[in-house]
Amino acid sequence: MKKALAVTLSTIIILSTLSLIPLASQTVNPADSCWDNWERCRARALESDFGPIRTTMALTLCDIALGKCLLNAI
């Protein structure tokens, strides 16, 4: 049961993090929008009342999303 709950919460956090990364327009440097989204993601994770484990997981997902965004911006 705990494993199923962890997988469900991880999936929800991943999907919500990915939805925070909008498609960058051509006039804006895509890397700039990646960093802006990363800062907002970290701020939301740190301001949340998730507890230490979920906050750490949310911050890790922010970092993963940043890496994916920067790779797509190249």
N, C-alpha and C. Protein backbone atom coordinates (compact mmCIF):
# COMPACT_ATOMS: atom_id res chain seq x y z
N MET A 1 0.82 -1.19 0.00
CA MET A 1 0.00 0.00 0.00
C MET A 1 0.86 1.26 0.00
N LYS A 2 1.93 1.23 0.81
CA LYS A 2 2.80 2.39 0.86
C LYS A 2 3.48 2.63 -0.49
N LYS A 3 3.84 1.53 -1.15
CA LYS A 3 4.50 1.65 -2.45
C LYS A 3 3.54 2.24 -3.49
N ALA A 4 2.31 1.81 -3.46
CA ALA A 4 1.31 2.33 -4.40
C ALA A 4 1.07 3.81 -4.15
N LEU A 5 1.03 4.21 -2.89
CA LEU A 5 0.84 5.62 -2.55
C LEU A 5 2.03 6.45 -3.01
N ALA A 6 3.23 5.92 -2.82
CA ALA A 6 4.43 6.63 -3.25
C ALA A 6 4.47 6.80 -4.76
N VAL A 7 4.10 5.76 -5.48
CA VAL A 7 4.08 5.84 -6.95
C VAL A 7 3.03 6.84 -7.41
N THR A 8 1.87 6.83 -6.78
CA THR A 8 0.80 7.76 -7.15
C THR A 8 1.22 9.20 -6.89
N LEU A 9 1.80 9.46 -5.72
CA LEU A 9 2.24 10.82 -5.40
C LEU A 9 3.37 11.26 -6.34
N SER A 10 4.27 10.36 -6.65
CA SER A 10 5.36 10.70 -7.57
C SER A 10 4.80 11.05 -8.95
N THR A 11 3.85 10.28 -9.41
CA THR A 11 3.24 10.55 -10.72
C THR A 11 2.54 11.90 -10.72
N ILE A 12 1.82 12.21 -9.67
CA ILE A 12 1.12 13.50 -9.60
C ILE A 12 2.12 14.64 -9.60
N ILE A 13 3.18 14.51 -8.84
CA ILE A 13 4.18 15.58 -8.78
C ILE A 13 4.88 15.74 -10.12
N ILE A 14 5.22 14.63 -10.77
CA ILE A 14 5.88 14.71 -12.08
C ILE A 14 4.97 15.38 -13.10
N LEU A 15 3.72 14.98 -13.14
CA LEU A 15 2.80 15.58 -14.11
C LEU A 15 2.55 17.05 -13.83
N SER A 16 2.45 17.41 -12.55
CA SER A 16 2.24 18.82 -12.24
C SER A 16 3.48 19.65 -12.56
N THR A 17 4.66 19.07 -12.35
CA THR A 17 5.90 19.78 -12.68
C THR A 17 6.03 19.96 -14.18
N LEU A 18 5.71 18.93 -14.93
CA LEU A 18 5.81 19.04 -16.39
C LEU A 18 4.80 20.04 -16.95
N SER A 19 3.67 20.19 -16.29
CA SER A 19 2.68 21.14 -16.77
C SER A 19 3.09 22.58 -16.48
N LEU A 20 4.07 22.77 -15.59
CA LEU A 20 4.55 24.11 -15.28
C LEU A 20 5.52 24.63 -16.34
N ILE A 21 5.99 23.75 -17.21
CA ILE A 21 6.95 24.16 -18.22
C ILE A 21 6.20 24.45 -19.52
N PRO A 22 5.89 25.71 -19.77
CA PRO A 22 5.15 26.03 -21.01
C PRO A 22 6.09 26.01 -22.21
N LEU A 23 5.50 25.93 -23.36
CA LEU A 23 6.30 25.99 -24.58
C LEU A 23 6.83 27.41 -24.75
N ALA A 24 8.11 27.52 -25.01
CA ALA A 24 8.74 28.84 -25.14
C ALA A 24 8.43 29.41 -26.52
N SER A 25 8.19 30.71 -26.54
CA SER A 25 7.94 31.37 -27.82
C SER A 25 9.26 31.61 -28.53
N GLN A 26 9.21 31.94 -29.80
CA GLN A 26 10.41 32.13 -30.59
C GLN A 26 11.15 33.41 -30.22
N THR A 27 10.46 34.40 -29.68
CA THR A 27 11.10 35.67 -29.36
C THR A 27 11.85 35.63 -28.04
N VAL A 28 11.53 34.67 -27.19
CA VAL A 28 12.18 34.55 -25.89
C VAL A 28 13.21 33.44 -25.95
N ASN A 29 14.35 33.68 -25.33
CA ASN A 29 15.36 32.63 -25.26
C ASN A 29 14.79 31.47 -24.45
N PRO A 30 14.74 30.27 -25.02
CA PRO A 30 14.14 29.14 -24.29
C PRO A 30 14.86 28.83 -22.98
N ALA A 31 16.16 29.04 -22.93
CA ALA A 31 16.90 28.76 -21.70
C ALA A 31 16.46 29.71 -20.58
N ASP A 32 16.13 30.95 -20.92
CA ASP A 32 15.67 31.90 -19.90
C ASP A 32 14.35 31.44 -19.28
N SER A 33 13.45 30.95 -20.11
CA SER A 33 12.17 30.49 -19.58
C SER A 33 12.38 29.22 -18.74
N CYS A 34 13.37 28.41 -19.09
CA CYS A 34 13.65 27.21 -18.29
C CYS A 34 14.08 27.62 -16.88
N TRP A 35 14.97 28.59 -16.79
CA TRP A 35 15.45 29.03 -15.49
C TRP A 35 14.34 29.72 -14.69
N ASP A 36 13.48 30.48 -15.37
CA ASP A 36 12.36 31.13 -14.68
C ASP A 36 11.41 30.08 -14.11
N ASN A 37 11.12 29.05 -14.91
CA ASN A 37 10.23 27.99 -14.44
C ASN A 37 10.86 27.23 -13.27
N TRP A 38 12.17 27.02 -13.34
CA TRP A 38 12.87 26.33 -12.28
C TRP A 38 12.80 27.11 -10.97
N GLU A 39 12.98 28.42 -11.06
CA GLU A 39 12.90 29.25 -9.86
C GLU A 39 11.50 29.21 -9.25
N ARG A 40 10.48 29.28 -10.10
CA ARG A 40 9.10 29.22 -9.60
C ARG A 40 8.80 27.85 -8.99
N CYS A 41 9.29 26.81 -9.63
CA CYS A 41 9.08 25.45 -9.13
C CYS A 41 9.72 25.28 -7.76
N ARG A 42 10.95 25.75 -7.61
CA ARG A 42 11.65 25.64 -6.33
C ARG A 42 10.94 26.46 -5.25
N ALA A 43 10.49 27.65 -5.62
CA ALA A 43 9.79 28.49 -4.64
C ALA A 43 8.52 27.81 -4.16
N ARG A 44 7.77 27.22 -5.08
CA ARG A 44 6.54 26.53 -4.69
C ARG A 44 6.84 25.32 -3.81
N ALA A 45 7.89 24.58 -4.16
CA ALA A 45 8.24 23.40 -3.37
C ALA A 45 8.67 23.79 -1.96
N LEU A 46 9.45 24.87 -1.86
CA LEU A 46 9.95 25.28 -0.55
C LEU A 46 8.85 25.92 0.31
N GLU A 47 7.86 26.55 -0.33
CA GLU A 47 6.77 27.18 0.41
C GLU A 47 5.68 26.19 0.80
N SER A 48 5.70 25.01 0.21
CA SER A 48 4.65 24.04 0.49
C SER A 48 4.85 23.44 1.88
N ASP A 49 3.81 22.78 2.32
CA ASP A 49 3.85 22.13 3.62
C ASP A 49 3.87 20.61 3.41
N PHE A 50 4.81 20.16 2.57
CA PHE A 50 4.88 18.74 2.21
C PHE A 50 5.58 17.88 3.26
N GLY A 51 6.48 18.46 4.00
CA GLY A 51 7.33 17.67 4.87
C GLY A 51 8.68 17.46 4.17
N PRO A 52 9.67 17.02 4.89
CA PRO A 52 11.02 16.97 4.32
C PRO A 52 11.19 16.00 3.16
N ILE A 53 10.56 14.85 3.20
CA ILE A 53 10.76 13.86 2.13
C ILE A 53 10.08 14.32 0.86
N ARG A 54 8.85 14.75 0.94
CA ARG A 54 8.14 15.21 -0.26
C ARG A 54 8.75 16.49 -0.81
N THR A 55 9.21 17.38 0.06
CA THR A 55 9.85 18.61 -0.40
C THR A 55 11.13 18.27 -1.17
N THR A 56 11.90 17.34 -0.64
CA THR A 56 13.12 16.91 -1.33
C THR A 56 12.78 16.30 -2.68
N MET A 57 11.72 15.50 -2.73
CA MET A 57 11.31 14.90 -3.99
C MET A 57 10.84 15.97 -4.98
N ALA A 58 10.10 16.97 -4.50
CA ALA A 58 9.63 18.05 -5.37
C ALA A 58 10.81 18.86 -5.90
N LEU A 59 11.80 19.13 -5.06
CA LEU A 59 12.98 19.88 -5.51
C LEU A 59 13.76 19.08 -6.54
N THR A 60 13.85 17.77 -6.35
CA THR A 60 14.53 16.92 -7.32
C THR A 60 13.80 16.94 -8.65
N LEU A 61 12.48 16.91 -8.61
CA LEU A 61 11.71 16.96 -9.85
C LEU A 61 11.88 18.31 -10.55
N CYS A 62 12.03 19.38 -9.77
CA CYS A 62 12.30 20.69 -10.37
C CYS A 62 13.63 20.66 -11.12
N ASP A 63 14.63 20.03 -10.52
CA ASP A 63 15.94 19.94 -11.16
C ASP A 63 15.89 19.08 -12.41
N ILE A 64 15.16 17.99 -12.35
CA ILE A 64 15.02 17.11 -13.52
C ILE A 64 14.30 17.84 -14.65
N ALA A 65 13.25 18.58 -14.31
CA ALA A 65 12.50 19.33 -15.32
C ALA A 65 13.39 20.41 -15.95
N LEU A 66 14.24 21.04 -15.14
CA LEU A 66 15.16 22.04 -15.67
C LEU A 66 16.12 21.41 -16.67
N GLY A 67 16.68 20.27 -16.31
CA GLY A 67 17.59 19.58 -17.22
C GLY A 67 16.92 19.19 -18.53
N LYS A 68 15.69 18.67 -18.43
CA LYS A 68 14.95 18.29 -19.64
C LYS A 68 14.67 19.53 -20.50
N CYS A 69 14.28 20.61 -19.86
CA CYS A 69 13.97 21.85 -20.59
C CYS A 69 15.22 22.38 -21.29
N LEU A 70 16.34 22.39 -20.58
CA LEU A 70 17.57 22.90 -21.19
C LEU A 70 18.04 22.02 -22.34
N LEU A 71 17.86 20.71 -22.22
CA LEU A 71 18.22 19.81 -23.32
C LEU A 71 17.34 20.05 -24.53
N ASN A 72 16.06 20.32 -24.30
CA ASN A 72 15.15 20.60 -25.41
C ASN A 72 15.39 21.97 -26.03
N ALA A 73 16.01 22.88 -25.27
CA ALA A 73 16.26 24.23 -25.77
C ALA A 73 17.45 24.28 -26.72
N ILE A 74 18.27 23.24 -26.67
CA ILE A 74 19.48 23.24 -27.52
C ILE A 74 19.13 23.01 -28.95
